[in-house]
Amino acid sequence: MSEWQDQSEIFNGTADTALKDARSADGNDRRGTTAFVFGDELADIADRDPRVAVLTADLARSNRAVDFQGRHPERFVNVGIAEKNMITAAAGMASCGYVPFAATFASFAALLGCEQIRTDCAYPRMPVRVVGHHSGMSMGFYGTSHHSLEDLGIMRTIADLTVVCATDENHLRAVLRASMDHPGAMYIRLGRGRDPEVYPTVPEIVFGRSIRLREGSDLTILATGSTVRPALDAAALLADDGYSTRVVDMFTVSPLDKDEVVASAAATGAVLTVEEHNVTNGLGTAVAETLFEAGVSGSRFKRLGVPDEHVILGPPAALYAHYQLDATGIATQAKELMR
């Protein structure tokens, strides 16, 4: 037991021989994590709402649930590395009047916990908020086991489950606040806590309604989560080349804002969806279904995401560039679509 404790101290950064450097506070890379406001915002909400509870599967530092733990330890539960049990326990807490937020890596939440999300949370319409953080390719070198490029496709096929992607720090605050009185279960998809600013202040949001961030007449970019900022930057690059681009934050993937999809296609004649997700069955597929079912004709359409393949290994920024999910790549794909 003491040997295991020693190893834990080394990797968690509490021992003198801890694997850390000036950029780390406890053995974990702390650069940029100030934008991860998950625990801090929920602690603020919990100050005035006794229903809030937070559960995590041994990732309190990674998702900053530790900030909630420090202020409301009586409503914090670390279940250990037992993601399925965490979601079922959250459903039980919801049945007793709590609004529990169960947080773990998105790859574990959606893939490991799919059955529990569907059967224990969505089917009985329990107000459980399953929070999948470090989604998409944001785990970089950790590889396929930690990449989450299927979660939107899985989650949006579950009935009575609201699927939301947080865009940046202020948008995450808005999502958490609005979720408190939202009926039924939710899957909330987060990035890695280093998301560049899109909203300078906390926006007013309604689940199921998108937010039009930029007007344009030549093309519409429908983006969600981590791709919203580069979509806006791509629109600026396109403007330099004479293209007028509408940008819409489709932060609710299910239920989708179908009215905005149809209106944007009719207004601009070209739609590009952008997502940090497999192109199969994510935002792009949802938009394609909407356009087809609405009978929209004459509009050009393209899905931009990760091809139907397992992602190569590398740092996130390099992966975004490789798959053309950065501003330059999005602008390039947009020009090809409009040509």
Foldseek 3Di string as FASTA:
>chain_A
DVVVVVVVQQCQQNDPNHPDDPQDDGNDRPPLLVQLCVLVLLLVVCVPDVQEAEEEAPCCPQNVVVSNCVRCVVRYYHPHNDQQVQLLVQLVSLVVPHQYEYEDAQLCCQVVNVVSCQPSFQVVFRNYEYEHEQEFCQVFQVFDSRYHFCRQLSQQVRPREWEFEQATSLSVSQVVVVSPPDTTYYYYYAHRNNADDDDPHNDHDDRQDKAWRFDFQAEEEEEEHRLQVLQVVLQVVVVVVPGTYIYIYQRTLPVTNLVVLLVRCVRHQEYEYAYSHELPRHSLVSSVVSCVVVVPPRGFYDYQYDYPDTQDHDRPVVSCVVSLSGNVSVNVVVVVRSD
